[in-house]
Amino acid sequence: MTTNPPSPSPTWRRFIAPALAFGLVAVLGVALLKPKDTSNGDGDPLLNKPAPTFVLKTLDGGTLSSEQLKGRPLVLNFWASWCVPCRDEAPLLREASEKQNASGLAVVGVLFQDKDFKRVRQFVGEYGLAYPNLMDDDLKTSINYGIGGVPETFFIGADGLVKSVDRGGLSRERLAAGLATIGVTF
């Protein structure tokens, strides 16, 4: 008795499983490796939560606490004198700080891993930063805010809740958008 050997499956059928596997790996790879836009702070764990409290030294030896700023909209900017994007946004923050009297806005800078106080004072003088800049020597405040690098800016409402987070250098548009979340026009 003679049996016919099974006929081989068409060539295209042999490539279906590997093609599907390749497609799945490609889609997962793109999804996992796609850079995320973190400039607007979407998904930040602090959003709509009470801002972490702090008591820090000012550059002139005094202290400033979050309690002293309670009830005012606050722009809290973490920066360093060696940071190029910080230099780009400094004039914008100075301009925003000039709105302090009109809208009650408080602008506060927090130094992040910057121990060269001569360079810090030069930076403050060069950009005419009249708002308080604080030293976070033990990095406790930076850790509480989840700072991974500078600049990072937190827009905190008069109610004490974090309304917006901007990671990366501010542009005029991004600063205006952040200020709008705390009820301040720019």
Protein backbone atom coordinates (compact mmCIF):
# COMPACT_ATOMS: atom_id res chain seq x y z
CA MET A 1 0.00 0.00 0.00
CA THR A 2 1.37 3.25 -1.06
CA THR A 3 0.57 6.41 0.75
CA ASN A 4 1.24 9.76 -0.56
CA PRO A 5 3.54 11.83 1.62
CA PRO A 6 1.83 14.85 3.11
CA SER A 7 2.20 17.81 0.88
CA PRO A 8 4.29 20.60 2.35
CA SER A 9 2.37 23.60 3.55
CA PRO A 10 2.55 26.66 1.37
CA THR A 11 5.64 28.80 1.98
CA TRP A 12 3.66 31.77 3.23
CA ARG A 13 2.21 29.69 6.09
CA ARG A 14 5.65 28.92 7.46
CA PHE A 15 6.35 32.62 7.90
CA ILE A 16 3.15 33.64 9.69
CA ALA A 17 4.26 32.76 13.25
CA PRO A 18 7.72 34.41 12.94
CA ALA A 19 6.19 37.49 11.28
CA LEU A 20 3.63 37.86 14.07
CA ALA A 21 6.33 37.42 16.72
CA PHE A 22 8.53 40.02 15.01
CA GLY A 23 5.62 42.46 14.77
CA LEU A 24 4.78 42.04 18.45
CA VAL A 25 8.40 42.57 19.50
CA ALA A 26 8.65 45.65 17.28
CA VAL A 27 5.48 47.22 18.74
CA LEU A 28 6.60 46.54 22.31
CA GLY A 29 10.07 47.89 21.58
CA VAL A 30 8.71 51.14 20.15
CA ALA A 31 6.32 51.58 23.08
CA LEU A 32 9.01 50.95 25.70
CA LEU A 33 11.78 52.96 24.07
CA LYS A 34 9.70 55.96 22.97
CA PRO A 35 10.90 59.04 24.89
CA LYS A 36 8.29 60.54 27.15
CA ASP A 37 7.48 64.25 27.19
CA THR A 38 7.94 65.16 30.83
CA SER A 39 7.81 68.90 30.33
CA ASN A 40 4.23 69.23 31.51
CA GLY A 41 4.48 66.88 34.50
CA ASP A 42 1.55 64.71 33.41
CA GLY A 43 1.49 61.68 35.65
CA ASP A 44 3.69 63.30 38.31
CA PRO A 45 2.91 61.73 41.69
CA LEU A 46 2.68 65.17 43.34
CA LEU A 47 -0.01 66.54 41.02
CA ASN A 48 -3.09 67.65 42.93
CA LYS A 49 -1.47 66.61 46.22
CA PRO A 50 -0.26 68.89 49.04
CA ALA A 51 3.17 70.29 48.25
CA PRO A 52 5.92 68.92 50.51
CA THR A 53 6.84 71.37 53.25
CA PHE A 54 10.31 72.83 53.70
CA VAL A 55 12.40 75.12 55.89
CA LEU A 56 15.59 76.17 54.08
CA LYS A 57 18.36 78.74 54.45
CA THR A 58 18.47 81.74 52.16
CA LEU A 59 21.70 82.85 50.49
CA ASP A 60 21.97 85.73 52.98
CA GLY A 61 21.77 83.44 56.03
CA GLY A 62 18.08 83.76 56.89
CA THR A 63 15.45 81.05 56.58
CA LEU A 64 12.29 80.68 54.57
CA SER A 65 9.63 78.05 55.09
CA SER A 66 6.72 76.87 53.02
CA GLU A 67 4.54 77.85 55.98
CA GLN A 68 5.51 81.51 55.42
CA LEU A 69 4.26 81.28 51.84
CA LYS A 70 0.98 79.61 52.74
CA GLY A 71 -2.08 81.08 51.04
CA ARG A 72 -0.15 82.45 48.06
CA PRO A 73 0.33 80.94 44.62
CA LEU A 74 3.94 79.71 44.43
CA VAL A 75 6.43 78.97 41.68
CA LEU A 76 9.12 76.73 43.17
CA ASN A 77 12.08 76.38 40.80
CA PHE A 78 14.94 73.93 41.40
CA TRP A 79 18.07 75.14 39.63
CA ALA A 80 21.89 75.27 39.61
CA SER A 81 24.39 77.85 38.38
CA TRP A 82 26.09 75.27 36.14
CA CYS A 83 22.80 74.44 34.36
CA VAL A 84 22.47 75.92 30.85
CA PRO A 85 18.63 75.66 30.62
CA CYS A 86 18.50 77.39 34.04
CA ARG A 87 20.28 80.36 32.47
CA ASP A 88 17.74 80.43 29.65
CA GLU A 89 14.74 80.49 32.00
CA ALA A 90 16.17 82.88 34.63
CA PRO A 91 14.96 86.07 32.86
CA LEU A 92 11.45 84.59 32.61
CA LEU A 93 11.39 83.72 36.31
CA ARG A 94 12.62 87.22 37.15
CA GLU A 95 9.80 88.66 35.05
CA ALA A 96 7.26 86.39 36.77
CA SER A 97 8.63 87.38 40.19
CA GLU A 98 7.86 91.02 39.40
CA LYS A 99 4.18 90.02 39.49
CA GLN A 100 4.52 89.15 43.19
CA ASN A 101 3.04 92.42 44.42
CA ALA A 102 0.18 92.51 41.93
CA SER A 103 -1.11 88.94 42.24
CA GLY A 104 0.37 87.70 45.50
CA LEU A 105 2.57 85.32 43.53
CA ALA A 106 5.69 84.03 45.26
CA VAL A 107 8.66 82.86 43.19
CA VAL A 108 11.30 80.88 45.06
CA GLY A 109 14.45 79.20 43.77
CA VAL A 110 16.03 76.14 45.37
CA LEU A 111 19.66 75.30 44.64
CA PHE A 112 20.19 71.72 43.58
CA GLN A 113 23.65 70.17 44.10
CA ASP A 114 25.42 73.52 43.72
CA LYS A 115 28.04 74.28 46.34
CA ASP A 116 29.94 77.00 44.45
CA PHE A 117 28.37 79.97 46.24
CA LYS A 118 30.57 82.48 44.43
CA ARG A 119 29.19 81.25 41.10
CA VAL A 120 25.65 81.12 42.55
CA ARG A 121 25.88 84.77 43.69
CA GLN A 122 27.25 85.74 40.25
CA PHE A 123 24.31 83.97 38.60
CA VAL A 124 21.78 85.72 40.87
CA GLY A 125 23.43 89.09 40.20
CA GLU A 126 23.80 88.56 36.45
CA TYR A 127 20.09 87.82 36.03
CA GLY A 128 18.86 90.28 38.66
CA LEU A 129 17.01 87.61 40.63
CA ALA A 130 15.39 89.49 43.51
CA TYR A 131 13.28 86.55 44.66
CA PRO A 132 14.53 84.26 47.46
CA ASN A 133 16.93 81.47 46.54
CA LEU A 134 17.33 78.72 49.07
CA MET A 135 20.04 76.18 49.83
CA ASP A 136 18.98 72.54 50.05
CA ASP A 137 22.24 71.31 51.60
CA ASP A 138 20.97 67.90 52.69
CA LEU A 139 18.84 67.48 49.53
CA LYS A 140 15.84 66.54 51.68
CA THR A 141 13.56 69.02 49.91
CA SER A 142 14.82 67.92 46.49
CA ILE A 143 14.12 64.30 47.41
CA ASN A 144 10.64 65.15 48.71
CA TYR A 145 9.85 66.83 45.39
CA GLY A 146 11.36 63.95 43.39
CA ILE A 147 13.99 66.07 41.66
CA GLY A 148 16.00 64.08 39.15
CA GLY A 149 17.80 66.98 37.48
CA VAL A 150 17.48 70.67 36.89
CA PRO A 151 15.64 72.74 36.06
CA GLU A 152 12.36 71.52 37.49
CA THR A 153 9.54 73.88 38.40
CA PHE A 154 6.48 73.30 40.57
CA PHE A 155 3.39 75.48 40.35
CA ILE A 156 1.63 75.37 43.70
CA GLY A 157 -1.80 76.90 44.21
CA ALA A 158 -2.79 79.16 47.08
CA ASP A 159 -4.55 76.05 48.48
CA GLY A 160 -1.13 74.36 48.87
CA LEU A 161 -1.73 71.75 46.15
CA VAL A 162 0.73 71.09 43.32
CA LYS A 163 -1.19 72.15 40.20
CA SER A 164 1.50 71.68 37.55
CA VAL A 165 5.07 70.39 37.21
CA ASP A 166 7.50 71.36 34.46
CA ARG A 167 10.65 69.30 34.04
CA GLY A 168 13.13 71.00 31.76
CA GLY A 169 13.85 74.59 30.88
CA LEU A 170 10.82 76.86 30.82
CA SER A 171 9.78 78.71 27.71
CA ARG A 172 7.49 81.74 27.90
CA GLU A 173 4.58 79.52 26.80
CA ARG A 174 5.27 76.77 29.34
CA LEU A 175 5.70 79.31 32.14
CA ALA A 176 2.42 80.99 31.17
CA ALA A 177 0.66 77.61 31.12
CA GLY A 178 2.02 76.70 34.56
CA LEU A 179 1.07 80.09 36.00
CA ALA A 180 -2.44 79.74 34.59
CA THR A 181 -2.91 76.55 36.64
CA ILE A 182 -2.36 78.61 39.81
CA GLY A 183 -4.53 81.52 38.69
CA VAL A 184 -1.79 83.92 37.58
CA THR A 185 -1.65 85.47 34.12
CA PHE A 186 1.69 86.13 32.44
